[in-house]
Amino acid sequence: MPADLLGEIFPEAILLTPEDREYTDEADSVFGLQDAVICYVIETIAFILLLSYVLKALDSENSVSVITGAQHSSVLALCSAEAVIISIIPIICSIIIHQLLYSSFFEKLNSSGGIVYQPEDYLMICLTMICALIVMLIPTFVRIIRRPPYELHRSQV
């Protein structure tokens, strides 16, 4: 067999069969995915805390809007717009940083080389983050709808 022949020619070498290499690749990719998921969860929790702080600070403004006659749907749309605008800025900054540092930094972090990012890829990332943001806003929406406006206003005064 070729592996036996190579073992005789290079006795100090460690020979891996394709099956061994495939197993190693799968193990590496699983750990890489776990690391990415852990980082993403930590980032999401930090973002949720920051966003909840900002939206809680705006509770007084929202309650005044409802007291003066704004419909709940208008207040929810305003909260959504504020959150999207707040989150678009870091998303755009991260895309710019990724583009500027891709060849010198991020390409070296990739386990498989030759990845070329298209504008559609960045758009998909942006839309995914905005959808995740809207899902994170559900507790705030519930709080605005369920609490009377004077309670929201009192909690800030």
N, C-alpha and C. Protein backbone atom coordinates (compact mmCIF):
# COMPACT_ATOMS: atom_id res chain seq x y z
N MET A 1 0.84 -1.19 0.00
CA MET A 1 0.00 0.00 0.00
C MET A 1 0.88 1.25 0.00
N PRO A 2 0.35 2.36 -0.56
CA PRO A 2 1.15 3.59 -0.60
C PRO A 2 1.48 4.12 0.79
N ALA A 3 0.56 4.00 1.74
CA ALA A 3 0.83 4.49 3.09
C ALA A 3 1.96 3.70 3.74
N ASP A 4 1.99 2.39 3.53
CA ASP A 4 3.07 1.57 4.09
C ASP A 4 4.40 1.93 3.46
N LEU A 5 4.41 2.16 2.15
CA LEU A 5 5.63 2.52 1.44
C LEU A 5 6.15 3.86 1.93
N LEU A 6 5.25 4.82 2.09
CA LEU A 6 5.66 6.13 2.61
C LEU A 6 6.16 6.02 4.04
N GLY A 7 5.56 5.15 4.84
CA GLY A 7 6.01 4.92 6.21
C GLY A 7 7.40 4.36 6.27
N GLU A 8 7.75 3.52 5.31
CA GLU A 8 9.11 2.97 5.25
C GLU A 8 10.11 4.02 4.81
N ILE A 9 9.72 4.85 3.84
CA ILE A 9 10.64 5.87 3.33
C ILE A 9 10.84 6.98 4.35
N PHE A 10 9.75 7.39 5.02
CA PHE A 10 9.81 8.47 6.01
C PHE A 10 9.35 7.93 7.35
N PRO A 11 10.26 7.29 8.10
CA PRO A 11 9.84 6.64 9.35
C PRO A 11 9.40 7.62 10.44
N GLU A 12 9.93 8.84 10.44
CA GLU A 12 9.56 9.80 11.50
C GLU A 12 8.26 10.55 11.18
N ALA A 13 7.77 10.41 9.97
CA ALA A 13 6.57 11.16 9.55
C ALA A 13 5.32 10.55 10.16
N ILE A 14 4.37 11.41 10.40
CA ILE A 14 3.05 10.97 10.86
C ILE A 14 2.13 11.01 9.65
N LEU A 15 1.62 9.86 9.29
CA LEU A 15 0.79 9.76 8.10
C LEU A 15 -0.68 9.74 8.50
N LEU A 16 -1.44 10.59 7.84
CA LEU A 16 -2.88 10.63 8.08
C LEU A 16 -3.61 10.17 6.82
N THR A 17 -4.55 9.33 7.00
CA THR A 17 -5.38 8.91 5.88
C THR A 17 -6.42 9.99 5.63
N PRO A 18 -7.07 9.96 4.48
CA PRO A 18 -8.13 10.96 4.23
C PRO A 18 -9.23 10.91 5.29
N GLU A 19 -9.52 9.72 5.81
CA GLU A 19 -10.54 9.62 6.85
C GLU A 19 -10.10 10.34 8.12
N ASP A 20 -8.80 10.18 8.47
CA ASP A 20 -8.28 10.88 9.65
C ASP A 20 -8.37 12.39 9.46
N ARG A 21 -8.00 12.86 8.30
CA ARG A 21 -8.01 14.30 8.03
C ARG A 21 -9.45 14.83 8.04
N GLU A 22 -10.37 14.05 7.48
CA GLU A 22 -11.77 14.47 7.48
C GLU A 22 -12.30 14.60 8.90
N TYR A 23 -11.94 13.66 9.76
CA TYR A 23 -12.37 13.72 11.16
C TYR A 23 -11.78 14.95 11.84
N THR A 24 -10.51 15.25 11.58
CA THR A 24 -9.86 16.42 12.17
C THR A 24 -10.53 17.70 11.69
N ASP A 25 -10.84 17.77 10.39
CA ASP A 25 -11.51 18.96 9.86
C ASP A 25 -12.87 19.16 10.50
N GLU A 26 -13.63 18.07 10.69
CA GLU A 26 -14.94 18.18 11.31
C GLU A 26 -14.81 18.66 12.75
N ALA A 27 -13.83 18.13 13.48
CA ALA A 27 -13.65 18.54 14.88
C ALA A 27 -13.25 20.01 14.95
N ASP A 28 -12.36 20.44 14.05
CA ASP A 28 -11.95 21.85 14.05
C ASP A 28 -13.12 22.76 13.73
N SER A 29 -13.94 22.37 12.76
CA SER A 29 -15.05 23.24 12.38
C SER A 29 -16.11 23.31 13.48
N VAL A 30 -16.31 22.21 14.22
CA VAL A 30 -17.29 22.23 15.31
C VAL A 30 -16.83 23.18 16.41
N PHE A 31 -15.53 23.12 16.77
CA PHE A 31 -15.03 24.01 17.81
C PHE A 31 -15.04 25.47 17.34
N GLY A 32 -14.75 25.71 16.08
CA GLY A 32 -14.81 27.06 15.55
C GLY A 32 -16.22 27.60 15.58
N LEU A 33 -17.18 26.75 15.25
CA LEU A 33 -18.58 27.16 15.29
C LEU A 33 -19.03 27.44 16.72
N GLN A 34 -18.60 26.61 17.66
CA GLN A 34 -18.96 26.83 19.07
C GLN A 34 -18.40 28.15 19.56
N ASP A 35 -17.16 28.44 19.21
CA ASP A 35 -16.55 29.72 19.62
C ASP A 35 -17.32 30.90 19.03
N ALA A 36 -17.68 30.79 17.77
CA ALA A 36 -18.42 31.87 17.13
C ALA A 36 -19.79 32.06 17.77
N VAL A 37 -20.46 30.97 18.09
CA VAL A 37 -21.78 31.06 18.72
C VAL A 37 -21.67 31.68 20.11
N ILE A 38 -20.68 31.29 20.88
CA ILE A 38 -20.48 31.85 22.22
C ILE A 38 -20.22 33.35 22.13
N CYS A 39 -19.36 33.76 21.20
CA CYS A 39 -19.08 35.20 21.03
C CYS A 39 -20.34 35.94 20.61
N TYR A 40 -21.12 35.35 19.72
CA TYR A 40 -22.34 36.00 19.24
C TYR A 40 -23.35 36.13 20.37
N VAL A 41 -23.48 35.12 21.21
CA VAL A 41 -24.43 35.18 22.33
C VAL A 41 -24.01 36.27 23.31
N ILE A 42 -22.72 36.34 23.63
CA ILE A 42 -22.24 37.38 24.54
C ILE A 42 -22.48 38.76 23.95
N GLU A 43 -22.21 38.92 22.66
CA GLU A 43 -22.43 40.20 22.00
C GLU A 43 -23.92 40.56 21.99
N THR A 44 -24.76 39.59 21.76
CA THR A 44 -26.20 39.84 21.73
C THR A 44 -26.71 40.26 23.10
N ILE A 45 -26.24 39.61 24.15
CA ILE A 45 -26.65 39.97 25.51
C ILE A 45 -26.23 41.41 25.83
N ALA A 46 -24.98 41.75 25.46
CA ALA A 46 -24.51 43.12 25.70
C ALA A 46 -25.35 44.12 24.91
N PHE A 47 -25.68 43.78 23.69
CA PHE A 47 -26.48 44.68 22.87
C PHE A 47 -27.89 44.83 23.42
N ILE A 48 -28.47 43.74 23.89
CA ILE A 48 -29.80 43.79 24.49
C ILE A 48 -29.80 44.70 25.71
N LEU A 49 -28.78 44.57 26.56
CA LEU A 49 -28.71 45.41 27.75
C LEU A 49 -28.58 46.88 27.39
N LEU A 50 -27.74 47.17 26.41
CA LEU A 50 -27.58 48.56 25.98
C LEU A 50 -28.87 49.11 25.39
N LEU A 51 -29.48 48.33 24.53
CA LEU A 51 -30.70 48.77 23.89
C LEU A 51 -31.84 48.92 24.89
N SER A 52 -31.94 48.00 25.85
CA SER A 52 -33.00 48.12 26.85
C SER A 52 -32.79 49.36 27.71
N TYR A 53 -31.54 49.70 28.00
CA TYR A 53 -31.25 50.93 28.76
C TYR A 53 -31.72 52.16 27.97
N VAL A 54 -31.38 52.19 26.68
CA VAL A 54 -31.77 53.35 25.86
C VAL A 54 -33.28 53.44 25.75
N LEU A 55 -33.94 52.31 25.50
CA LEU A 55 -35.40 52.35 25.35
C LEU A 55 -36.11 52.64 26.66
N LYS A 56 -35.54 52.20 27.78
CA LYS A 56 -36.13 52.52 29.08
C LYS A 56 -36.00 54.02 29.36
N ALA A 57 -34.89 54.59 28.91
CA ALA A 57 -34.72 56.04 29.07
C ALA A 57 -35.75 56.81 28.23
N LEU A 58 -36.22 56.19 27.16
CA LEU A 58 -37.21 56.84 26.32
C LEU A 58 -38.65 56.56 26.74
N ASP A 59 -38.84 55.77 27.81
CA ASP A 59 -40.18 55.46 28.29
C ASP A 59 -40.98 56.72 28.62
N SER A 60 -40.32 57.68 29.22
CA SER A 60 -41.01 58.92 29.58
C SER A 60 -41.53 59.63 28.34
N GLU A 61 -40.69 59.69 27.32
CA GLU A 61 -41.10 60.33 26.07
C GLU A 61 -42.25 59.56 25.42
N ASN A 62 -42.16 58.24 25.46
CA ASN A 62 -43.23 57.43 24.88
C ASN A 62 -44.53 57.60 25.65
N SER A 63 -44.45 57.67 26.97
CA SER A 63 -45.67 57.83 27.76
C SER A 63 -46.31 59.19 27.51
N VAL A 64 -45.50 60.23 27.36
CA VAL A 64 -46.05 61.55 27.04
C VAL A 64 -46.74 61.51 25.67
N SER A 65 -46.15 60.78 24.74
CA SER A 65 -46.78 60.66 23.41
C SER A 65 -48.14 60.00 23.52
N VAL A 66 -48.23 58.92 24.31
CA VAL A 66 -49.51 58.22 24.46
C VAL A 66 -50.50 59.10 25.21
N ILE A 67 -50.05 59.79 26.27
CA ILE A 67 -50.95 60.65 27.05
C ILE A 67 -51.53 61.77 26.18
N THR A 68 -50.70 62.27 25.26
CA THR A 68 -51.18 63.37 24.41
C THR A 68 -51.95 62.90 23.19
N GLY A 69 -52.19 61.59 23.08
CA GLY A 69 -53.09 61.10 22.04
C GLY A 69 -52.47 60.24 20.96
N ALA A 70 -51.19 59.96 21.03
CA ALA A 70 -50.59 59.10 20.00
C ALA A 70 -51.08 57.67 20.18
N GLN A 71 -51.28 56.99 19.09
CA GLN A 71 -51.71 55.60 19.15
C GLN A 71 -50.51 54.73 19.51
N HIS A 72 -50.82 53.58 20.11
CA HIS A 72 -49.74 52.66 20.49
C HIS A 72 -48.94 52.22 19.26
N SER A 73 -49.61 52.04 18.14
CA SER A 73 -48.89 51.62 16.93
C SER A 73 -47.88 52.68 16.49
N SER A 74 -48.22 53.96 16.66
CA SER A 74 -47.28 55.03 16.31
C SER A 74 -46.09 55.02 17.24
N VAL A 75 -46.34 54.80 18.52
CA VAL A 75 -45.24 54.77 19.50
C VAL A 75 -44.35 53.56 19.23
N LEU A 76 -44.94 52.43 18.91
CA LEU A 76 -44.15 51.23 18.61
C LEU A 76 -43.32 51.44 17.34
N ALA A 77 -43.91 52.09 16.34
CA ALA A 77 -43.16 52.38 15.11
C ALA A 77 -42.01 53.32 15.40
N LEU A 78 -42.24 54.30 16.28
CA LEU A 78 -41.18 55.23 16.64
C LEU A 78 -40.06 54.51 17.39
N CYS A 79 -40.42 53.64 18.31
CA CYS A 79 -39.40 52.85 19.04
C CYS A 79 -38.60 51.98 18.09
N SER A 80 -39.29 51.36 17.15
CA SER A 80 -38.61 50.51 16.18
C SER A 80 -37.65 51.32 15.33
N ALA A 81 -38.10 52.47 14.87
CA ALA A 81 -37.24 53.33 14.04
C ALA A 81 -36.01 53.79 14.82
N GLU A 82 -36.21 54.19 16.09
CA GLU A 82 -35.08 54.61 16.92
C GLU A 82 -34.08 53.47 17.09
N ALA A 83 -34.58 52.28 17.37
CA ALA A 83 -33.69 51.14 17.58
C ALA A 83 -32.94 50.77 16.30
N VAL A 84 -33.64 50.81 15.16
CA VAL A 84 -32.98 50.48 13.89
C VAL A 84 -31.90 51.51 13.57
N ILE A 85 -32.20 52.78 13.79
CA ILE A 85 -31.21 53.83 13.52
C ILE A 85 -30.01 53.67 14.45
N ILE A 86 -30.27 53.37 15.72
CA ILE A 86 -29.18 53.17 16.68
C ILE A 86 -28.32 51.97 16.27
N SER A 87 -28.93 50.93 15.74
CA SER A 87 -28.16 49.72 15.41
C SER A 87 -27.52 49.79 14.02
N ILE A 88 -28.04 50.60 13.12
CA ILE A 88 -27.47 50.70 11.77
C ILE A 88 -26.06 51.28 11.82
N ILE A 89 -25.84 52.23 12.70
CA ILE A 89 -24.53 52.89 12.77
C ILE A 89 -23.42 51.88 13.08
N PRO A 90 -23.53 51.04 14.14
CA PRO A 90 -22.47 50.06 14.37
C PRO A 90 -22.37 49.01 13.27
N ILE A 91 -23.50 48.65 12.65
CA ILE A 91 -23.45 47.67 11.56
C ILE A 91 -22.65 48.23 10.39
N ILE A 92 -22.91 49.47 10.02
CA ILE A 92 -22.18 50.08 8.91
C ILE A 92 -20.70 50.24 9.26
N CYS A 93 -20.42 50.65 10.50
CA CYS A 93 -19.02 50.77 10.92
C CYS A 93 -18.30 49.42 10.88
N SER A 94 -18.98 48.36 11.32
CA SER A 94 -18.33 47.05 11.30
C SER A 94 -18.10 46.56 9.87
N ILE A 95 -19.01 46.86 8.95
CA ILE A 95 -18.81 46.48 7.55
C ILE A 95 -17.62 47.24 6.97
N ILE A 96 -17.51 48.51 7.26
CA ILE A 96 -16.38 49.31 6.77
C ILE A 96 -15.07 48.79 7.34
N ILE A 97 -15.05 48.51 8.64
CA ILE A 97 -13.83 47.97 9.26
C ILE A 97 -13.48 46.62 8.66
N HIS A 98 -14.48 45.78 8.43
CA HIS A 98 -14.22 44.46 7.84
C HIS A 98 -13.63 44.61 6.44
N GLN A 99 -14.16 45.52 5.65
CA GLN A 99 -13.63 45.74 4.31
C GLN A 99 -12.21 46.27 4.34
N LEU A 100 -11.94 47.23 5.23
CA LEU A 100 -10.61 47.82 5.29
C LEU A 100 -9.55 46.85 5.79
N LEU A 101 -9.90 46.02 6.76
CA LEU A 101 -8.92 45.12 7.37
C LEU A 101 -9.02 43.68 6.89
N TYR A 102 -9.82 43.43 5.86
CA TYR A 102 -10.04 42.03 5.46
C TYR A 102 -8.74 41.35 5.04
N SER A 103 -8.02 41.96 4.11
CA SER A 103 -6.82 41.27 3.59
C SER A 103 -5.70 41.20 4.62
N SER A 104 -5.61 42.18 5.49
CA SER A 104 -4.50 42.17 6.45
C SER A 104 -4.81 41.43 7.75
N PHE A 105 -6.08 41.28 8.10
CA PHE A 105 -6.41 40.67 9.39
C PHE A 105 -7.42 39.54 9.29
N PHE A 106 -8.60 39.83 8.77
CA PHE A 106 -9.70 38.87 8.81
C PHE A 106 -9.46 37.66 7.91
N GLU A 107 -8.76 37.85 6.81
CA GLU A 107 -8.49 36.73 5.91
C GLU A 107 -7.61 35.69 6.60
N LYS A 108 -6.75 36.14 7.51
CA LYS A 108 -5.88 35.22 8.24
C LYS A 108 -6.65 34.44 9.30
N LEU A 109 -7.80 34.96 9.73
CA LEU A 109 -8.61 34.26 10.72
C LEU A 109 -9.49 33.18 10.10
N ASN A 110 -9.77 33.30 8.81
CA ASN A 110 -10.62 32.32 8.14
C ASN A 110 -9.94 30.96 8.08
N SER A 111 -10.69 29.92 8.36
CA SER A 111 -10.12 28.58 8.26
C SER A 111 -10.02 28.12 6.81
N SER A 112 -10.84 28.67 5.94
CA SER A 112 -10.74 28.35 4.52
C SER A 112 -10.50 29.64 3.77
N GLY A 113 -9.45 29.67 2.99
CA GLY A 113 -9.06 30.89 2.30
C GLY A 113 -9.87 31.13 1.04
N GLY A 114 -9.66 32.28 0.47
CA GLY A 114 -10.29 32.61 -0.80
C GLY A 114 -11.74 33.02 -0.70
N ILE A 115 -12.20 33.40 0.47
CA ILE A 115 -13.59 33.84 0.60
C ILE A 115 -13.69 35.29 0.13
N VAL A 116 -14.59 35.52 -0.79
CA VAL A 116 -14.81 36.87 -1.30
C VAL A 116 -16.21 37.28 -0.90
N TYR A 117 -16.31 38.39 -0.17
CA TYR A 117 -17.61 38.87 0.28
C TYR A 117 -18.19 39.81 -0.75
N GLN A 118 -19.44 39.57 -1.08
CA GLN A 118 -20.18 40.39 -2.04
C GLN A 118 -21.07 41.36 -1.26
N PRO A 119 -21.53 42.43 -1.90
CA PRO A 119 -22.47 43.34 -1.21
C PRO A 119 -23.72 42.63 -0.70
N GLU A 120 -24.16 41.58 -1.41
CA GLU A 120 -25.34 40.84 -0.96
C GLU A 120 -25.09 40.15 0.38
N ASP A 121 -23.85 39.72 0.60
CA ASP A 121 -23.51 39.09 1.88
C ASP A 121 -23.65 40.08 3.02
N TYR A 122 -23.13 41.28 2.82
CA TYR A 122 -23.23 42.30 3.85
C TYR A 122 -24.69 42.72 4.07
N LEU A 123 -25.46 42.78 2.99
CA LEU A 123 -26.88 43.11 3.11
C LEU A 123 -27.61 42.04 3.92
N MET A 124 -27.28 40.78 3.68
CA MET A 124 -27.91 39.68 4.43
C MET A 124 -27.56 39.78 5.92
N ILE A 125 -26.31 40.09 6.22
CA ILE A 125 -25.89 40.25 7.62
C ILE A 125 -26.65 41.41 8.26
N CYS A 126 -26.75 42.51 7.54
CA CYS A 126 -27.46 43.69 8.06
C CYS A 126 -28.93 43.38 8.32
N LEU A 127 -29.59 42.72 7.37
CA LEU A 127 -31.00 42.38 7.55
C LEU A 127 -31.21 41.38 8.68
N THR A 128 -30.28 40.44 8.82
CA THR A 128 -30.38 39.47 9.90
C THR A 128 -30.26 40.17 11.25
N MET A 129 -29.33 41.10 11.37
CA MET A 129 -29.16 41.84 12.62
C MET A 129 -30.40 42.69 12.92
N ILE A 130 -30.98 43.29 11.92
CA ILE A 130 -32.17 44.11 12.15
C ILE A 130 -33.35 43.23 12.56
N CYS A 131 -33.49 42.06 11.94
CA CYS A 131 -34.56 41.14 12.35
C CYS A 131 -34.36 40.67 13.80
N ALA A 132 -33.11 40.38 14.15
CA ALA A 132 -32.82 39.99 15.54
C ALA A 132 -33.14 41.14 16.48
N LEU A 133 -32.86 42.35 16.06
CA LEU A 133 -33.16 43.53 16.87
C LEU A 133 -34.67 43.66 17.10
N ILE A 134 -35.45 43.46 16.07
CA ILE A 134 -36.91 43.56 16.21
C ILE A 134 -37.41 42.49 17.19
N VAL A 135 -36.85 41.29 17.11
CA VAL A 135 -37.24 40.23 18.05
C VAL A 135 -36.86 40.64 19.48
N MET A 136 -35.69 41.27 19.63
CA MET A 136 -35.27 41.72 20.96
C MET A 136 -36.17 42.84 21.51
N LEU A 137 -36.84 43.55 20.62
CA LEU A 137 -37.70 44.65 21.05
C LEU A 137 -39.07 44.18 21.54
N ILE A 138 -39.41 42.94 21.35
CA ILE A 138 -40.74 42.44 21.74
C ILE A 138 -41.05 42.72 23.21
N PRO A 139 -40.12 42.47 24.16
CA PRO A 139 -40.46 42.81 25.56
C PRO A 139 -40.75 44.30 25.77
N THR A 140 -40.05 45.14 25.05
CA THR A 140 -40.30 46.58 25.17
C THR A 140 -41.69 46.91 24.61
N PHE A 141 -42.03 46.30 23.49
CA PHE A 141 -43.36 46.53 22.92
C PHE A 141 -44.45 46.08 23.87
N VAL A 142 -44.25 44.94 24.49
CA VAL A 142 -45.25 44.43 25.44
C VAL A 142 -45.38 45.38 26.62
N ARG A 143 -44.24 45.90 27.12
CA ARG A 143 -44.26 46.83 28.24
C ARG A 143 -45.01 48.11 27.88
N ILE A 144 -44.80 48.62 26.67
CA ILE A 144 -45.48 49.85 26.24
C ILE A 144 -46.98 49.61 26.12
N ILE A 145 -47.36 48.45 25.60
CA ILE A 145 -48.79 48.18 25.39
C ILE A 145 -49.51 47.88 26.70
N ARG A 146 -48.89 47.13 27.58
CA ARG A 146 -49.57 46.68 28.81
C ARG A 146 -49.59 47.73 29.91
N ARG A 147 -48.54 48.49 30.06
CA ARG A 147 -48.50 49.46 31.15
C ARG A 147 -49.26 50.72 30.78
N PRO A 148 -49.96 51.25 31.73
CA PRO A 148 -50.60 52.55 31.48
C PRO A 148 -49.52 53.62 31.29
N PRO A 149 -49.79 54.63 30.49
CA PRO A 149 -48.79 55.65 30.20
C PRO A 149 -48.26 56.36 31.45
N TYR A 150 -49.13 56.59 32.44
CA TYR A 150 -48.68 57.30 33.63
C TYR A 150 -47.66 56.48 34.42
N GLU A 151 -47.75 55.15 34.37
CA GLU A 151 -46.74 54.31 35.05
C GLU A 151 -45.39 54.43 34.38
N LEU A 152 -45.38 54.43 33.04
CA LEU A 152 -44.12 54.59 32.32
C LEU A 152 -43.50 55.94 32.63
N HIS A 153 -44.35 56.97 32.71
CA HIS A 153 -43.83 58.31 32.97
C HIS A 153 -43.33 58.41 34.41
N ARG A 154 -44.04 57.83 35.38
CA ARG A 154 -43.65 57.88 36.78
C ARG A 154 -42.33 57.19 37.04
N SER A 155 -42.08 56.12 36.33
CA SER A 155 -40.86 55.34 36.57
C SER A 155 -39.62 56.15 36.18
N GLN A 156 -39.77 57.18 35.35
CA GLN A 156 -38.64 57.97 34.92
C GLN A 156 -38.47 59.26 35.73
N VAL A 157 -39.53 59.70 36.41
CA VAL A 157 -39.46 60.98 37.12
C VAL A 157 -38.88 60.79 38.49
